[in-house]
Amino acid sequence: MDKIVIPSLEMQDLSVEQIACLSHHHLQELHVSLTELTTRVERALNLR
């Protein structure tokens, strides 16, 4: 399995206002990482 890459942004430390101010590029990176993480969690849950 490939290594999961977590974005360098610490999302739990960001307020809603800060997230809203992220550049389009950073929002895209965050979206891709979260989508990949969600997919991996769903696959892991289906292996049980």
PDB file of N, CA and C in Angstrom:
ATOM      1  N   MET A   1       0.848  -1.175   0.000  1.00  0.00           N
ATOM      2  CA  MET A   1       0.000   0.000   0.000  1.00  0.00           C
ATOM      3  C   MET A   1       0.890   1.233   0.000  1.00  0.00           C
ATOM      4  N   ASP A   2       0.477   2.241  -0.735  1.00  0.00           N
ATOM      5  CA  ASP A   2       1.227   3.494  -0.794  1.00  0.00           C
ATOM      6  C   ASP A   2       1.108   4.248   0.512  1.00  0.00           C
ATOM      7  N   LYS A   3       2.104   5.058   0.759  1.00  0.00           N
ATOM      8  CA  LYS A   3       2.097   5.906   1.944  1.00  0.00           C
ATOM      9  C   LYS A   3       1.031   6.985   1.777  1.00  0.00           C
ATOM     10  N   ILE A   4       0.263   7.224   2.821  1.00  0.00           N
ATOM     11  CA  ILE A   4      -0.750   8.282   2.782  1.00  0.00           C
ATOM     12  C   ILE A   4      -0.056   9.610   3.004  1.00  0.00           C
ATOM     13  N   VAL A   5      -0.337  10.557   2.121  1.00  0.00           N
ATOM     14  CA  VAL A   5       0.247  11.885   2.246  1.00  0.00           C
ATOM     15  C   VAL A   5      -0.817  12.811   2.843  1.00  0.00           C
ATOM     16  N   ILE A   6      -0.502  13.343   4.000  1.00  0.00           N
ATOM     17  CA  ILE A   6      -1.402  14.280   4.661  1.00  0.00           C
ATOM     18  C   ILE A   6      -0.931  15.683   4.300  1.00  0.00           C
ATOM     19  N   PRO A   7      -1.847  16.548   3.952  1.00  0.00           N
ATOM     20  CA  PRO A   7      -1.425  17.902   3.573  1.00  0.00           C
ATOM     21  C   PRO A   7      -0.659  18.583   4.699  1.00  0.00           C
ATOM     22  N   SER A   8       0.249  19.484   4.314  1.00  0.00           N
ATOM     23  CA  SER A   8       1.056  20.168   5.315  1.00  0.00           C
ATOM     24  C   SER A   8       0.211  21.101   6.183  1.00  0.00           C
ATOM     25  N   LEU A   9      -0.943  21.469   5.692  1.00  0.00           N
ATOM     26  CA  LEU A   9      -1.826  22.312   6.482  1.00  0.00           C
ATOM     27  C   LEU A   9      -2.402  21.510   7.634  1.00  0.00           C
ATOM     28  N   GLU A  10      -2.375  22.053   8.802  1.00  0.00           N
ATOM     29  CA  GLU A  10      -2.972  21.406   9.960  1.00  0.00           C
ATOM     30  C   GLU A  10      -4.410  21.891  10.049  1.00  0.00           C
ATOM     31  N   MET A  11      -5.293  21.157   9.395  1.00  0.00           N
ATOM     32  CA  MET A  11      -6.673  21.611   9.268  1.00  0.00           C
ATOM     33  C   MET A  11      -7.349  21.834  10.614  1.00  0.00           C
ATOM     34  N   GLN A  12      -7.034  21.006  11.605  1.00  0.00           N
ATOM     35  CA  GLN A  12      -7.681  21.162  12.895  1.00  0.00           C
ATOM     36  C   GLN A  12      -7.297  22.486  13.549  1.00  0.00           C
ATOM     37  N   ASP A  13      -6.212  23.107  13.113  1.00  0.00           N
ATOM     38  CA  ASP A  13      -5.778  24.381  13.669  1.00  0.00           C
ATOM     39  C   ASP A  13      -6.345  25.583  12.921  1.00  0.00           C
ATOM     40  N   LEU A  14      -7.053  25.324  11.822  1.00  0.00           N
ATOM     41  CA  LEU A  14      -7.576  26.419  11.010  1.00  0.00           C
ATOM     42  C   LEU A  14      -9.029  26.726  11.372  1.00  0.00           C
ATOM     43  N   SER A  15      -9.339  28.001  11.417  1.00  0.00           N
ATOM     44  CA  SER A  15     -10.727  28.403  11.622  1.00  0.00           C
ATOM     45  C   SER A  15     -11.455  28.340  10.285  1.00  0.00           C
ATOM     46  N   VAL A  16     -12.756  28.437  10.325  1.00  0.00           N
ATOM     47  CA  VAL A  16     -13.551  28.443   9.092  1.00  0.00           C
ATOM     48  C   VAL A  16     -13.123  29.623   8.216  1.00  0.00           C
ATOM     49  N   GLU A  17     -12.871  30.753   8.834  1.00  0.00           N
ATOM     50  CA  GLU A  17     -12.448  31.942   8.078  1.00  0.00           C
ATOM     51  C   GLU A  17     -11.106  31.705   7.393  1.00  0.00           C
ATOM     52  N   GLN A  18     -10.188  31.031   8.098  1.00  0.00           N
ATOM     53  CA  GLN A  18      -8.884  30.746   7.498  1.00  0.00           C
ATOM     54  C   GLN A  18      -9.006  29.765   6.338  1.00  0.00           C
ATOM     55  N   ILE A  19      -9.846  28.764   6.487  1.00  0.00           N
ATOM     56  CA  ILE A  19     -10.062  27.810   5.400  1.00  0.00           C
ATOM     57  C   ILE A  19     -10.665  28.528   4.201  1.00  0.00           C
ATOM     58  N   ALA A  20     -11.607  29.416   4.463  1.00  0.00           N
ATOM     59  CA  ALA A  20     -12.244  30.171   3.383  1.00  0.00           C
ATOM     60  C   ALA A  20     -11.244  31.050   2.643  1.00  0.00           C
ATOM     61  N   CYS A  21     -10.158  31.441   3.302  1.00  0.00           N
ATOM     62  CA  CYS A  21      -9.159  32.310   2.686  1.00  0.00           C
ATOM     63  C   CYS A  21      -8.037  31.549   1.984  1.00  0.00           C
ATOM     64  N   LEU A  22      -8.060  30.218   2.045  1.00  0.00           N
ATOM     65  CA  LEU A  22      -7.016  29.443   1.380  1.00  0.00           C
ATOM     66  C   LEU A  22      -7.084  29.659  -0.123  1.00  0.00           C
ATOM     67  N   SER A  23      -5.933  29.579  -0.752  1.00  0.00           N
ATOM     68  CA  SER A  23      -5.894  29.721  -2.210  1.00  0.00           C
ATOM     69  C   SER A  23      -6.597  28.527  -2.855  1.00  0.00           C
ATOM     70  N   HIS A  24      -6.991  28.718  -4.086  1.00  0.00           N
ATOM     71  CA  HIS A  24      -7.649  27.654  -4.835  1.00  0.00           C
ATOM     72  C   HIS A  24      -6.748  26.416  -4.883  1.00  0.00           C
ATOM     73  N   HIS A  25      -5.473  26.634  -5.078  1.00  0.00           N
ATOM     74  CA  HIS A  25      -4.510  25.529  -5.158  1.00  0.00           C
ATOM     75  C   HIS A  25      -4.478  24.738  -3.851  1.00  0.00           C
ATOM     76  N   HIS A  26      -4.411  25.427  -2.716  1.00  0.00           N
ATOM     77  CA  HIS A  26      -4.377  24.728  -1.431  1.00  0.00           C
ATOM     78  C   HIS A  26      -5.693  24.002  -1.148  1.00  0.00           C
ATOM     79  N   LEU A  27      -6.797  24.592  -1.551  1.00  0.00           N
ATOM     80  CA  LEU A  27      -8.083  23.918  -1.374  1.00  0.00           C
ATOM     81  C   LEU A  27      -8.141  22.646  -2.213  1.00  0.00           C
ATOM     82  N   GLN A  28      -7.616  22.699  -3.421  1.00  0.00           N
ATOM     83  CA  GLN A  28      -7.584  21.511  -4.275  1.00  0.00           C
ATOM     84  C   GLN A  28      -6.710  20.423  -3.661  1.00  0.00           C
ATOM     85  N   GLU A  29      -5.540  20.798  -3.155  1.00  0.00           N
ATOM     86  CA  GLU A  29      -4.648  19.827  -2.517  1.00  0.00           C
ATOM     87  C   GLU A  29      -5.333  19.178  -1.318  1.00  0.00           C
ATOM     88  N   LEU A  30      -5.992  19.991  -0.517  1.00  0.00           N
ATOM     89  CA  LEU A  30      -6.690  19.484   0.655  1.00  0.00           C
ATOM     90  C   LEU A  30      -7.815  18.539   0.248  1.00  0.00           C
ATOM     91  N   HIS A  31      -8.558  18.903  -0.779  1.00  0.00           N
ATOM     92  CA  HIS A  31      -9.656  18.066  -1.266  1.00  0.00           C
ATOM     93  C   HIS A  31      -9.140  16.711  -1.752  1.00  0.00           C
ATOM     94  N   VAL A  32      -8.075  16.721  -2.524  1.00  0.00           N
ATOM     95  CA  VAL A  32      -7.510  15.471  -3.049  1.00  0.00           C
ATOM     96  C   VAL A  32      -7.039  14.585  -1.894  1.00  0.00           C
ATOM     97  N   SER A  33      -6.351  15.173  -0.938  1.00  0.00           N
ATOM     98  CA  SER A  33      -5.850  14.389   0.195  1.00  0.00           C
ATOM     99  C   SER A  33      -6.992  13.804   1.025  1.00  0.00           C
ATOM    100  N   LEU A  34      -8.016  14.598   1.271  1.00  0.00           N
ATOM    101  CA  LEU A  34      -9.149  14.104   2.057  1.00  0.00           C
ATOM    102  C   LEU A  34      -9.928  13.035   1.308  1.00  0.00           C
ATOM    103  N   THR A  35     -10.059  13.181   0.001  1.00  0.00           N
ATOM    104  CA  THR A  35     -10.742  12.183  -0.807  1.00  0.00           C
ATOM    105  C   THR A  35      -9.970  10.867  -0.782  1.00  0.00           C
ATOM    106  N   GLU A  36      -8.654  10.950  -0.908  1.00  0.00           N
ATOM    107  CA  GLU A  36      -7.821   9.747  -0.871  1.00  0.00           C
ATOM    108  C   GLU A  36      -7.908   9.078   0.502  1.00  0.00           C
ATOM    109  N   LEU A  37      -7.861   9.862   1.545  1.00  0.00           N
ATOM    110  CA  LEU A  37      -7.949   9.316   2.897  1.00  0.00           C
ATOM    111  C   LEU A  37      -9.301   8.641   3.121  1.00  0.00           C
ATOM    112  N   THR A  38     -10.371   9.263   2.661  1.00  0.00           N
ATOM    113  CA  THR A  38     -11.708   8.693   2.783  1.00  0.00           C
ATOM    114  C   THR A  38     -11.800   7.357   2.049  1.00  0.00           C
ATOM    115  N   THR A  39     -11.257   7.301   0.849  1.00  0.00           N
ATOM    116  CA  THR A  39     -11.273   6.071   0.058  1.00  0.00           C
ATOM    117  C   THR A  39     -10.522   4.956   0.777  1.00  0.00           C
ATOM    118  N   ARG A  40      -9.372   5.273   1.332  1.00  0.00           N
ATOM    119  CA  ARG A  40      -8.576   4.257   2.035  1.00  0.00           C
ATOM    120  C   ARG A  40      -9.284   3.758   3.293  1.00  0.00           C
ATOM    121  N   VAL A  41      -9.928   4.657   4.013  1.00  0.00           N
ATOM    122  CA  VAL A  41     -10.671   4.248   5.215  1.00  0.00           C
ATOM    123  C   VAL A  41     -11.826   3.353   4.825  1.00  0.00           C
ATOM    124  N   GLU A  42     -12.559   3.719   3.764  1.00  0.00           N
ATOM    125  CA  GLU A  42     -13.686   2.888   3.307  1.00  0.00           C
ATOM    126  C   GLU A  42     -13.199   1.502   2.896  1.00  0.00           C
ATOM    127  N   ARG A  43     -12.073   1.425   2.196  1.00  0.00           N
ATOM    128  CA  ARG A  43     -11.532   0.127   1.802  1.00  0.00           C
ATOM    129  C   ARG A  43     -11.135  -0.698   3.009  1.00  0.00           C
ATOM    130  N   ALA A  44     -10.517  -0.050   3.985  1.00  0.00           N
ATOM    131  CA  ALA A  44     -10.102  -0.760   5.202  1.00  0.00           C
ATOM    132  C   ALA A  44     -11.322  -1.291   5.955  1.00  0.00           C
ATOM    133  N   LEU A  45     -12.376  -0.521   6.009  1.00  0.00           N
ATOM    134  CA  LEU A  45     -13.582  -0.956   6.699  1.00  0.00           C
ATOM    135  C   LEU A  45     -14.242  -2.123   5.974  1.00  0.00           C
ATOM    136  N   ASN A  46     -14.141  -2.150   4.660  1.00  0.00           N
ATOM    137  CA  ASN A  46     -14.732  -3.230   3.882  1.00  0.00           C
ATOM    138  C   ASN A  46     -13.942  -4.531   3.980  1.00  0.00           C
ATOM    139  N   LEU A  47     -12.717  -4.464   4.469  1.00  0.00           N
ATOM    140  CA  LEU A  47     -11.891  -5.661   4.611  1.00  0.00           C
ATOM    141  C   LEU A  47     -12.219  -6.429   5.873  1.00  0.00           C
ATOM    142  N   ARG A  48     -12.981  -5.858   6.758  1.00  0.00           N
ATOM    143  CA  ARG A  48     -13.320  -6.518   8.024  1.00  0.00           C
ATOM    144  C   ARG A  48     -14.274  -7.653   7.805  1.00  0.00           C
TER     145      ARG A  48
END
